[in-house]
Amino acid sequence: MADNIGNKAAHDYHLDVPAVQEGFYVKGNAHCAWGMKNRLARMFRPQSGNTVMLAFDHGYIMGPTAGLERIDLVIPPLVPYVDVLMGTRGVIRSCISPTVPAAKCVRVTYDSTVLYDDMSNGGGIACDIDSAIEMNADCMAVQTFIGAPGESRSLELLARTADAGSRYGIPTLGVVAVGKEMARTEKFFLLATRVLAENGANVVKSYYCEGFERVAAACPVPIVIAGGKKLPELEALEMAYRAIQEGAHGVDMGRNIFQSDSPAGMAQAIGKVVHEGYTPAQAHEVYQEVKNQR
């Protein structure tokens, strides 16, 4: 049995050696079935290998979030500028047209709401595999609490979702949730992202941190960074740029897009960073141009 006693202190992440792709460009998924790879190709652009995901699933624990009081008015205009829509089945079904071309990542687990001080109880299944298929989901998202009381339960939900997804060719996105007692450090994210990948996640959503290049190198599947709290637009673009340069394969932003003074401008600016290698300053000019056109 593996344990944490007697390990070497030094690590070699071979940062100068690219990941082996073996015929399919989405990291770590070369041996998946055709249908799984087809869905991943809808999420990650072949030209860049990256993705821009738009998260608007905040209401499943927070209720009406600032900027998302009317999802039917806020999110549809942003669809042309993103690759993946990340939401609950209830909101996608009620507010998103079935004709939109963007891929759909459906959150399939539930957690406690903000009425509870500790929301990390592990949750349960909110959308089973039959419902995900009925929704024509391109991906299933599972919140996973590492370093929290619900860790074991949420890892079980992740593994069960990955098993079901493998049977039907639907990828699983493992979402790193930081327990209340855990610091957002390189050490934590090295552990959390690797644990999610080892338990079956095809893609991992995590946070950016110092030392991120090692976190990305050590995770055998793509990492998509979370936008987190609202930042000034230039700061959010700088974070996205650093993450992509250091090995992330995309961003999943919510508040940093829909709470921006120009959501469409910010979505387009993020896309320039993620897919075209724009610097933060260049992308910020795009944001300003779109904002000034209003």
C-alpha atoms as a PDB file:
ATOM      1  CA  MET A   1       0.000   0.000   0.000  1.00  0.00           C
ATOM      2  CA  ALA A   2       1.316   3.436  -0.911  1.00  0.00           C
ATOM      3  CA  ASP A   3       1.859   5.886   1.925  1.00  0.00           C
ATOM      4  CA  ASN A   4       3.550   9.228   2.436  1.00  0.00           C
ATOM      5  CA  ILE A   5       6.457   7.900   4.500  1.00  0.00           C
ATOM      6  CA  GLY A   6       9.884   7.509   2.955  1.00  0.00           C
ATOM      7  CA  ASN A   7       9.232   9.437  -0.263  1.00  0.00           C
ATOM      8  CA  LYS A   8      12.045  11.295  -1.971  1.00  0.00           C
ATOM      9  CA  ALA A   9      12.033  14.971  -1.102  1.00  0.00           C
ATOM     10  CA  ALA A  10      13.150  16.086  -4.559  1.00  0.00           C
ATOM     11  CA  HIS A  11      10.863  15.988  -7.586  1.00  0.00           C
ATOM     12  CA  ASP A  12      11.571  16.217 -11.300  1.00  0.00           C
ATOM     13  CA  TYR A  13       8.580  17.400 -13.319  1.00  0.00           C
ATOM     14  CA  HIS A  14      10.506  17.458 -16.639  1.00  0.00           C
ATOM     15  CA  LEU A  15       9.120  20.887 -17.476  1.00  0.00           C
ATOM     16  CA  ASP A  16      11.134  20.933 -20.696  1.00  0.00           C
ATOM     17  CA  VAL A  17       9.459  17.765 -22.025  1.00  0.00           C
ATOM     18  CA  PRO A  18       5.966  18.111 -23.561  1.00  0.00           C
ATOM     19  CA  ALA A  19       3.255  15.605 -22.668  1.00  0.00           C
ATOM     20  CA  VAL A  20       3.006  12.593 -24.944  1.00  0.00           C
ATOM     21  CA  GLN A  21      -0.159  12.988 -27.023  1.00  0.00           C
ATOM     22  CA  GLU A  22      -0.128   9.737 -29.068  1.00  0.00           C
ATOM     23  CA  GLY A  23      -2.357  10.805 -31.950  1.00  0.00           C
ATOM     24  CA  PHE A  24      -4.999  12.863 -30.127  1.00  0.00           C
ATOM     25  CA  TYR A  25      -4.382  16.422 -29.034  1.00  0.00           C
ATOM     26  CA  VAL A  26      -6.353  16.494 -25.755  1.00  0.00           C
ATOM     27  CA  LYS A  27      -3.813  15.549 -23.114  1.00  0.00           C
ATOM     28  CA  GLY A  28      -4.184  12.122 -21.556  1.00  0.00           C
ATOM     29  CA  ASN A  29      -7.246  11.087 -23.579  1.00  0.00           C
ATOM     30  CA  ALA A  30      -5.673   9.350 -26.572  1.00  0.00           C
ATOM     31  CA  HIS A  31      -6.926   5.930 -25.511  1.00  0.00           C
ATOM     32  CA  CYS A  32     -10.560   6.945 -24.991  1.00  0.00           C
ATOM     33  CA  ALA A  33     -13.368   5.775 -27.252  1.00  0.00           C
ATOM     34  CA  TRP A  34     -14.238   7.712 -30.411  1.00  0.00           C
ATOM     35  CA  GLY A  35     -17.385   9.249 -28.931  1.00  0.00           C
ATOM     36  CA  MET A  36     -15.491  10.517 -25.893  1.00  0.00           C
ATOM     37  CA  LYS A  37     -12.835  12.098 -28.106  1.00  0.00           C
ATOM     38  CA  ASN A  38     -15.515  13.623 -30.318  1.00  0.00           C
ATOM     39  CA  ARG A  39     -17.051  15.373 -27.310  1.00  0.00           C
ATOM     40  CA  LEU A  40     -13.649  16.513 -26.069  1.00  0.00           C
ATOM     41  CA  ALA A  41     -12.962  17.924 -29.540  1.00  0.00           C
ATOM     42  CA  ARG A  42     -16.129  20.012 -29.228  1.00  0.00           C
ATOM     43  CA  MET A  43     -14.803  21.403 -25.947  1.00  0.00           C
ATOM     44  CA  PHE A  44     -11.127  21.958 -26.856  1.00  0.00           C
ATOM     45  CA  ARG A  45     -10.445  23.698 -30.157  1.00  0.00           C
ATOM     46  CA  PRO A  46      -8.171  21.616 -32.377  1.00  0.00           C
ATOM     47  CA  GLN A  47      -6.334  24.760 -33.543  1.00  0.00           C
ATOM     48  CA  SER A  48      -5.156  25.742 -30.056  1.00  0.00           C
ATOM     49  CA  GLY A  49      -5.833  22.665 -27.944  1.00  0.00           C
ATOM     50  CA  ASN A  50      -7.505  24.980 -25.429  1.00  0.00           C
ATOM     51  CA  THR A  51     -10.993  25.947 -24.275  1.00  0.00           C
ATOM     52  CA  VAL A  52     -12.929  28.912 -22.937  1.00  0.00           C
ATOM     53  CA  MET A  53     -15.683  27.741 -20.625  1.00  0.00           C
ATOM     54  CA  LEU A  54     -18.397  30.069 -19.325  1.00  0.00           C
ATOM     55  CA  ALA A  55     -19.532  29.103 -15.829  1.00  0.00           C
ATOM     56  CA  PHE A  56     -23.026  30.127 -14.727  1.00  0.00           C
ATOM     57  CA  ASP A  57     -23.787  27.337 -12.253  1.00  0.00           C
ATOM     58  CA  HIS A  58     -23.394  29.536  -9.163  1.00  0.00           C
ATOM     59  CA  GLY A  59     -27.117  29.474  -8.356  1.00  0.00           C
ATOM     60  CA  TYR A  60     -27.097  25.791  -7.425  1.00  0.00           C
ATOM     61  CA  ILE A  61     -25.691  26.768  -4.017  1.00  0.00           C
ATOM     62  CA  MET A  62     -25.974  30.583  -3.959  1.00  0.00           C
ATOM     63  CA  GLY A  63     -29.344  31.347  -5.533  1.00  0.00           C
ATOM     64  CA  PRO A  64     -29.454  34.514  -7.685  1.00  0.00           C
ATOM     65  CA  THR A  65     -25.833  35.648  -7.997  1.00  0.00           C
ATOM     66  CA  ALA A  66     -25.020  39.264  -8.837  1.00  0.00           C
ATOM     67  CA  GLY A  67     -24.983  39.422 -12.623  1.00  0.00           C
ATOM     68  CA  LEU A  68     -27.015  36.215 -12.980  1.00  0.00           C
ATOM     69  CA  GLU A  69     -30.391  37.415 -11.790  1.00  0.00           C
ATOM     70  CA  ARG A  70     -31.700  36.888 -15.353  1.00  0.00           C
ATOM     71  CA  ILE A  71     -29.666  34.113 -16.923  1.00  0.00           C
ATOM     72  CA  ASP A  72     -31.941  34.116 -19.969  1.00  0.00           C
ATOM     73  CA  LEU A  73     -30.824  37.689 -20.716  1.00  0.00           C
ATOM     74  CA  VAL A  74     -27.164  37.524 -19.669  1.00  0.00           C
ATOM     75  CA  ILE A  75     -25.768  34.246 -20.977  1.00  0.00           C
ATOM     76  CA  PRO A  76     -27.207  33.722 -24.510  1.00  0.00           C
ATOM     77  CA  PRO A  77     -25.492  36.858 -25.951  1.00  0.00           C
ATOM     78  CA  LEU A  78     -22.127  35.479 -24.779  1.00  0.00           C
ATOM     79  CA  VAL A  79     -22.477  32.082 -26.469  1.00  0.00           C
ATOM     80  CA  PRO A  80     -20.683  33.100 -29.721  1.00  0.00           C
ATOM     81  CA  TYR A  81     -17.513  33.938 -27.773  1.00  0.00           C
ATOM     82  CA  VAL A  82     -17.048  30.760 -25.721  1.00  0.00           C
ATOM     83  CA  ASP A  83     -16.498  27.072 -26.396  1.00  0.00           C
ATOM     84  CA  VAL A  84     -18.339  25.473 -23.483  1.00  0.00           C
ATOM     85  CA  LEU A  85     -21.370  26.413 -21.385  1.00  0.00           C
ATOM     86  CA  MET A  86     -21.039  25.228 -17.780  1.00  0.00           C
ATOM     87  CA  GLY A  87     -24.323  25.048 -15.889  1.00  0.00           C
ATOM     88  CA  THR A  88     -26.930  22.905 -14.188  1.00  0.00           C
ATOM     89  CA  ARG A  89     -29.409  20.919 -16.230  1.00  0.00           C
ATOM     90  CA  GLY A  90     -32.288  23.035 -14.922  1.00  0.00           C
ATOM     91  CA  VAL A  91     -30.793  26.318 -16.105  1.00  0.00           C
ATOM     92  CA  ILE A  92     -29.453  24.965 -19.401  1.00  0.00           C
ATOM     93  CA  ARG A  93     -32.846  23.458 -20.199  1.00  0.00           C
ATOM     94  CA  SER A  94     -34.804  26.579 -19.250  1.00  0.00           C
ATOM     95  CA  CYS A  95     -32.515  29.395 -20.436  1.00  0.00           C
ATOM     96  CA  ILE A  96     -30.314  28.066 -23.262  1.00  0.00           C
ATOM     97  CA  SER A  97     -31.646  27.359 -26.742  1.00  0.00           C
ATOM     98  CA  PRO A  98     -31.090  23.785 -27.951  1.00  0.00           C
ATOM     99  CA  THR A  99     -29.800  25.294 -31.211  1.00  0.00           C
ATOM    100  CA  VAL A 100     -26.639  26.806 -29.697  1.00  0.00           C
ATOM    101  CA  PRO A 101     -23.421  25.291 -31.089  1.00  0.00           C
ATOM    102  CA  ALA A 102     -21.369  25.558 -27.891  1.00  0.00           C
ATOM    103  CA  ALA A 103     -20.595  22.371 -25.974  1.00  0.00           C
ATOM    104  CA  LYS A 104     -22.540  21.797 -22.750  1.00  0.00           C
ATOM    105  CA  CYS A 105     -20.893  20.798 -19.471  1.00  0.00           C
ATOM    106  CA  VAL A 106     -23.626  19.818 -17.011  1.00  0.00           C
ATOM    107  CA  ARG A 107     -23.010  19.907 -13.279  1.00  0.00           C
ATOM    108  CA  VAL A 108     -24.202  16.504 -12.076  1.00  0.00           C
ATOM    109  CA  THR A 109     -23.593  16.681  -8.310  1.00  0.00           C
ATOM    110  CA  TYR A 110     -25.175  18.829  -5.617  1.00  0.00           C
ATOM    111  CA  ASP A 111     -23.676  20.303  -2.442  1.00  0.00           C
ATOM    112  CA  SER A 112     -25.064  22.118   0.585  1.00  0.00           C
ATOM    113  CA  THR A 113     -26.197  25.693   0.003  1.00  0.00           C
ATOM    114  CA  VAL A 114     -24.698  28.864   1.447  1.00  0.00           C
ATOM    115  CA  LEU A 115     -27.165  28.529   4.337  1.00  0.00           C
ATOM    116  CA  TYR A 116     -24.634  26.143   5.878  1.00  0.00           C
ATOM    117  CA  ASP A 117     -21.238  27.245   7.171  1.00  0.00           C
ATOM    118  CA  ASP A 118     -19.610  24.059   5.891  1.00  0.00           C
ATOM    119  CA  MET A 119     -20.765  23.054   2.422  1.00  0.00           C
ATOM    120  CA  SER A 120     -18.192  20.261   2.021  1.00  0.00           C
ATOM    121  CA  ASN A 121     -20.318  17.277   3.036  1.00  0.00           C
ATOM    122  CA  GLY A 122     -19.726  15.455  -0.231  1.00  0.00           C
ATOM    123  CA  GLY A 123     -23.173  16.065  -1.712  1.00  0.00           C
ATOM    124  CA  GLY A 124     -24.887  13.601  -4.017  1.00  0.00           C
ATOM    125  CA  ILE A 125     -26.013  12.986  -7.582  1.00  0.00           C
ATOM    126  CA  ALA A 126     -28.192  15.767  -9.008  1.00  0.00           C
ATOM    127  CA  CYS A 127     -28.220  14.517 -12.599  1.00  0.00           C
ATOM    128  CA  ASP A 128     -27.700  10.825 -13.362  1.00  0.00           C
ATOM    129  CA  ILE A 129     -26.206   9.402 -16.537  1.00  0.00           C
ATOM    130  CA  ASP A 130     -29.620   8.870 -18.169  1.00  0.00           C
ATOM    131  CA  SER A 131     -30.457  12.538 -17.622  1.00  0.00           C
ATOM    132  CA  ALA A 132     -27.031  13.612 -18.917  1.00  0.00           C
ATOM    133  CA  ILE A 133     -27.633  11.604 -22.077  1.00  0.00           C
ATOM    134  CA  GLU A 134     -31.131  13.097 -22.432  1.00  0.00           C
ATOM    135  CA  MET A 135     -29.521  16.558 -22.131  1.00  0.00           C
ATOM    136  CA  ASN A 136     -27.002  15.560 -24.828  1.00  0.00           C
ATOM    137  CA  ALA A 137     -24.264  16.629 -22.426  1.00  0.00           C
ATOM    138  CA  ASP A 138     -20.732  16.926 -23.777  1.00  0.00           C
ATOM    139  CA  CYS A 139     -19.262  16.710 -20.278  1.00  0.00           C
ATOM    140  CA  MET A 140     -20.309  16.027 -16.676  1.00  0.00           C
ATOM    141  CA  ALA A 141     -18.910  18.156 -13.849  1.00  0.00           C
ATOM    142  CA  VAL A 142     -18.369  16.762 -10.355  1.00  0.00           C
ATOM    143  CA  GLN A 143     -17.430  18.974  -7.393  1.00  0.00           C
ATOM    144  CA  THR A 144     -14.756  17.217  -5.332  1.00  0.00           C
ATOM    145  CA  PHE A 145     -13.752  18.301  -1.831  1.00  0.00           C
ATOM    146  CA  ILE A 146     -10.122  17.517  -1.058  1.00  0.00           C
ATOM    147  CA  GLY A 147      -8.988  18.023   2.514  1.00  0.00           C
ATOM    148  CA  ALA A 148     -12.556  18.320   3.797  1.00  0.00           C
ATOM    149  CA  PRO A 149     -15.019  16.050   5.645  1.00  0.00           C
ATOM    150  CA  GLY A 150     -16.806  15.174   2.415  1.00  0.00           C
ATOM    151  CA  GLU A 151     -13.652  14.087   0.590  1.00  0.00           C
ATOM    152  CA  SER A 152     -14.366  10.344   0.536  1.00  0.00           C
ATOM    153  CA  ARG A 153     -17.978  10.784  -0.548  1.00  0.00           C
ATOM    154  CA  SER A 154     -17.156  13.268  -3.309  1.00  0.00           C
ATOM    155  CA  LEU A 155     -14.348  11.068  -4.657  1.00  0.00           C
ATOM    156  CA  GLU A 156     -16.794   8.177  -4.803  1.00  0.00           C
ATOM    157  CA  LEU A 157     -19.209  10.350  -6.784  1.00  0.00           C
ATOM    158  CA  LEU A 158     -16.383  11.327  -9.134  1.00  0.00           C
ATOM    159  CA  ALA A 159     -15.371   7.711  -9.726  1.00  0.00           C
ATOM    160  CA  ARG A 160     -18.975   6.581 -10.288  1.00  0.00           C
ATOM    161  CA  THR A 161     -19.578   9.432 -12.724  1.00  0.00           C
ATOM    162  CA  ALA A 162     -16.371   8.610 -14.604  1.00  0.00           C
ATOM    163  CA  ASP A 163     -17.449   4.952 -14.814  1.00  0.00           C
ATOM    164  CA  ALA A 164     -20.850   5.904 -16.233  1.00  0.00           C
ATOM    165  CA  GLY A 165     -19.274   8.435 -18.597  1.00  0.00           C
ATOM    166  CA  SER A 166     -16.862   5.847 -19.936  1.00  0.00           C
ATOM    167  CA  ARG A 167     -19.739   3.528 -20.817  1.00  0.00           C
ATOM    168  CA  TYR A 168     -21.465   6.207 -22.891  1.00  0.00           C
ATOM    169  CA  GLY A 169     -18.556   8.297 -24.145  1.00  0.00           C
ATOM    170  CA  ILE A 170     -19.193  11.390 -21.975  1.00  0.00           C
ATOM    171  CA  PRO A 171     -16.110  12.994 -20.363  1.00  0.00           C
ATOM    172  CA  THR A 172     -15.984  13.847 -16.671  1.00  0.00           C
ATOM    173  CA  LEU A 173     -14.728  17.202 -15.397  1.00  0.00           C
ATOM    174  CA  GLY A 174     -13.379  16.945 -11.849  1.00  0.00           C
ATOM    175  CA  VAL A 175     -13.754  20.287 -10.060  1.00  0.00           C
ATOM    176  CA  VAL A 176     -11.298  20.955  -7.236  1.00  0.00           C
ATOM    177  CA  ALA A 177     -13.091  22.447  -4.225  1.00  0.00           C
ATOM    178  CA  VAL A 178     -10.745  23.761  -1.558  1.00  0.00           C
ATOM    179  CA  GLY A 179     -11.638  22.643   1.971  1.00  0.00           C
ATOM    180  CA  LYS A 180     -11.929  25.339   4.640  1.00  0.00           C
ATOM    181  CA  GLU A 181      -8.758  24.157   6.352  1.00  0.00           C
ATOM    182  CA  MET A 182      -6.651  23.945   3.192  1.00  0.00           C
ATOM    183  CA  ALA A 183      -4.433  26.707   1.786  1.00  0.00           C
ATOM    184  CA  ARG A 184      -4.458  27.419  -1.948  1.00  0.00           C
ATOM    185  CA  THR A 185      -0.837  26.426  -2.413  1.00  0.00           C
ATOM    186  CA  GLU A 186       1.190  24.524  -4.963  1.00  0.00           C
ATOM    187  CA  LYS A 187       1.439  21.596  -2.534  1.00  0.00           C
ATOM    188  CA  PHE A 188      -2.346  21.376  -2.201  1.00  0.00           C
ATOM    189  CA  PHE A 189      -3.082  21.677  -5.919  1.00  0.00           C
ATOM    190  CA  LEU A 190      -0.393  19.137  -6.813  1.00  0.00           C
ATOM    191  CA  LEU A 191      -2.248  16.688  -4.582  1.00  0.00           C
ATOM    192  CA  ALA A 192      -5.813  17.635  -5.504  1.00  0.00           C
ATOM    193  CA  THR A 193      -5.454  17.721  -9.299  1.00  0.00           C
ATOM    194  CA  ARG A 194      -3.524  14.457  -9.376  1.00  0.00           C
ATOM    195  CA  VAL A 195      -6.071  12.718  -7.132  1.00  0.00           C
ATOM    196  CA  LEU A 196      -8.955  13.758  -9.389  1.00  0.00           C
ATOM    197  CA  ALA A 197      -7.152  12.578 -12.525  1.00  0.00           C
ATOM    198  CA  GLU A 198      -6.206   9.274 -10.921  1.00  0.00           C
ATOM    199  CA  ASN A 199      -9.827   8.691  -9.955  1.00  0.00           C
ATOM    200  CA  GLY A 200     -11.030   9.030 -13.530  1.00  0.00           C
ATOM    201  CA  ALA A 201     -11.492  12.705 -14.418  1.00  0.00           C
ATOM    202  CA  ASN A 202     -10.829  13.364 -18.113  1.00  0.00           C
ATOM    203  CA  VAL A 203     -10.377  17.073 -17.398  1.00  0.00           C
ATOM    204  CA  VAL A 204      -9.646  18.874 -14.117  1.00  0.00           C
ATOM    205  CA  LYS A 205     -10.831  22.343 -13.123  1.00  0.00           C
ATOM    206  CA  SER A 206      -8.621  23.971 -10.515  1.00  0.00           C
ATOM    207  CA  TYR A 207      -7.232  27.327  -9.415  1.00  0.00           C
ATOM    208  CA  TYR A 208      -4.103  29.106 -10.555  1.00  0.00           C
ATOM    209  CA  CYS A 209      -1.298  29.310  -7.995  1.00  0.00           C
ATOM    210  CA  GLU A 210       2.386  30.064  -7.726  1.00  0.00           C
ATOM    211  CA  GLY A 211       4.281  27.069  -9.103  1.00  0.00           C
ATOM    212  CA  PHE A 212       1.393  26.241 -11.440  1.00  0.00           C
ATOM    213  CA  GLU A 213       3.734  24.945 -14.137  1.00  0.00           C
ATOM    214  CA  ARG A 214       4.565  22.001 -11.867  1.00  0.00           C
ATOM    215  CA  VAL A 215       0.895  21.402 -11.057  1.00  0.00           C
ATOM    216  CA  ALA A 216       0.056  21.280 -14.784  1.00  0.00           C
ATOM    217  CA  ALA A 217       3.005  19.035 -15.605  1.00  0.00           C
ATOM    218  CA  ALA A 218       2.145  16.533 -12.871  1.00  0.00           C
ATOM    219  CA  CYS A 219      -1.523  16.233 -13.877  1.00  0.00           C
ATOM    220  CA  PRO A 220      -1.922  13.657 -16.687  1.00  0.00           C
ATOM    221  CA  VAL A 221      -5.080  15.293 -18.098  1.00  0.00           C
ATOM    222  CA  PRO A 222      -5.811  18.924 -19.079  1.00  0.00           C
ATOM    223  CA  ILE A 223      -6.250  21.503 -16.328  1.00  0.00           C
ATOM    224  CA  VAL A 224      -8.734  24.311 -16.895  1.00  0.00           C
ATOM    225  CA  ILE A 225      -8.327  27.124 -14.386  1.00  0.00           C
ATOM    226  CA  ALA A 226     -11.237  28.622 -12.477  1.00  0.00           C
ATOM    227  CA  GLY A 227     -11.711  32.358 -12.677  1.00  0.00           C
ATOM    228  CA  GLY A 228     -12.687  32.661  -9.017  1.00  0.00           C
ATOM    229  CA  LYS A 229     -13.713  35.958  -7.495  1.00  0.00           C
ATOM    230  CA  LYS A 230     -14.201  39.075  -9.611  1.00  0.00           C
ATOM    231  CA  LEU A 231     -10.922  40.797 -10.453  1.00  0.00           C
ATOM    232  CA  PRO A 232     -10.182  43.964 -12.391  1.00  0.00           C
ATOM    233  CA  GLU A 233     -10.271  43.012 -16.070  1.00  0.00           C
ATOM    234  CA  LEU A 234      -6.544  43.392 -16.675  1.00  0.00           C
ATOM    235  CA  GLU A 235      -5.714  41.262 -13.623  1.00  0.00           C
ATOM    236  CA  ALA A 236      -8.046  38.512 -14.792  1.00  0.00           C
ATOM    237  CA  LEU A 237      -6.427  38.576 -18.235  1.00  0.00           C
ATOM    238  CA  GLU A 238      -2.968  38.421 -16.654  1.00  0.00           C
ATOM    239  CA  MET A 239      -3.975  35.391 -14.592  1.00  0.00           C
ATOM    240  CA  ALA A 240      -5.362  33.641 -17.676  1.00  0.00           C
ATOM    241  CA  TYR A 241      -2.226  34.454 -19.671  1.00  0.00           C
ATOM    242  CA  ARG A 242       0.139  33.129 -16.995  1.00  0.00           C
ATOM    243  CA  ALA A 243      -1.898  29.968 -16.610  1.00  0.00           C
ATOM    244  CA  ILE A 244      -1.890  29.211 -20.351  1.00  0.00           C
ATOM    245  CA  GLN A 245       1.828  29.954 -20.616  1.00  0.00           C
ATOM    246  CA  GLU A 246       2.479  27.593 -17.697  1.00  0.00           C
ATOM    247  CA  GLY A 247       0.507  24.640 -19.033  1.00  0.00           C
ATOM    248  CA  ALA A 248      -3.226  25.190 -18.521  1.00  0.00           C
ATOM    249  CA  HIS A 249      -5.442  24.194 -21.437  1.00  0.00           C
ATOM    250  CA  GLY A 250      -8.150  26.741 -20.854  1.00  0.00           C
ATOM    251  CA  VAL A 251     -10.126  28.815 -18.399  1.00  0.00           C
ATOM    252  CA  ASP A 252     -13.584  28.408 -16.897  1.00  0.00           C
ATOM    253  CA  MET A 253     -14.667  31.922 -15.992  1.00  0.00           C
ATOM    254  CA  GLY A 254     -17.946  33.136 -14.611  1.00  0.00           C
ATOM    255  CA  ARG A 255     -17.909  36.265 -12.457  1.00  0.00           C
ATOM    256  CA  ASN A 256     -14.914  37.708 -14.311  1.00  0.00           C
ATOM    257  CA  ILE A 257     -17.063  37.665 -17.445  1.00  0.00           C
ATOM    258  CA  PHE A 258     -20.693  38.210 -16.489  1.00  0.00           C
ATOM    259  CA  GLN A 259     -19.882  40.752 -13.739  1.00  0.00           C
ATOM    260  CA  SER A 260     -17.625  42.753 -16.067  1.00  0.00           C
ATOM    261  CA  ASP A 261     -18.669  46.191 -17.308  1.00  0.00           C
ATOM    262  CA  SER A 262     -18.584  44.593 -20.760  1.00  0.00           C
ATOM    263  CA  PRO A 263     -19.279  40.844 -20.547  1.00  0.00           C
ATOM    264  CA  ALA A 264     -19.015  40.415 -24.324  1.00  0.00           C
ATOM    265  CA  GLY A 265     -15.766  42.357 -24.413  1.00  0.00           C
ATOM    266  CA  MET A 266     -14.285  40.303 -21.595  1.00  0.00           C
ATOM    267  CA  ALA A 267     -15.363  37.008 -23.153  1.00  0.00           C
ATOM    268  CA  GLN A 268     -13.722  37.995 -26.432  1.00  0.00           C
ATOM    269  CA  ALA A 269     -10.566  39.189 -24.683  1.00  0.00           C
ATOM    270  CA  ILE A 270     -10.236  35.917 -22.771  1.00  0.00           C
ATOM    271  CA  GLY A 271     -10.641  34.020 -26.038  1.00  0.00           C
ATOM    272  CA  LYS A 272      -7.778  35.992 -27.569  1.00  0.00           C
ATOM    273  CA  VAL A 273      -5.499  35.010 -24.692  1.00  0.00           C
ATOM    274  CA  VAL A 274      -6.530  31.359 -24.625  1.00  0.00           C
ATOM    275  CA  HIS A 275      -6.662  30.640 -28.353  1.00  0.00           C
ATOM    276  CA  GLU A 276      -4.449  33.224 -30.050  1.00  0.00           C
ATOM    277  CA  GLY A 277      -1.720  33.926 -27.526  1.00  0.00           C
ATOM    278  CA  TYR A 278      -2.562  37.591 -27.016  1.00  0.00           C
ATOM    279  CA  THR A 279      -0.705  39.266 -24.179  1.00  0.00           C
ATOM    280  CA  PRO A 280      -2.809  40.720 -21.347  1.00  0.00           C
ATOM    281  CA  ALA A 281      -2.245  44.234 -22.700  1.00  0.00           C
ATOM    282  CA  GLN A 282      -3.316  43.246 -26.229  1.00  0.00           C
ATOM    283  CA  ALA A 283      -6.384  41.425 -24.932  1.00  0.00           C
ATOM    284  CA  HIS A 284      -7.302  44.351 -22.711  1.00  0.00           C
ATOM    285  CA  GLU A 285      -7.377  46.554 -25.806  1.00  0.00           C
ATOM    286  CA  VAL A 286      -9.941  44.163 -27.305  1.00  0.00           C
ATOM    287  CA  TYR A 287     -12.011  44.447 -24.125  1.00  0.00           C
ATOM    288  CA  GLN A 288     -11.840  48.258 -24.229  1.00  0.00           C
ATOM    289  CA  GLU A 289     -12.793  48.396 -27.917  1.00  0.00           C
ATOM    290  CA  VAL A 290     -15.897  46.262 -27.403  1.00  0.00           C
ATOM    291  CA  LYS A 291     -16.813  48.179 -24.232  1.00  0.00           C
ATOM    292  CA  ASN A 292     -16.552  51.516 -26.044  1.00  0.00           C
ATOM    293  CA  GLN A 293     -18.856  50.310 -28.822  1.00  0.00           C
ATOM    294  CA  ARG A 294     -21.824  50.109 -26.476  1.00  0.00           C
END
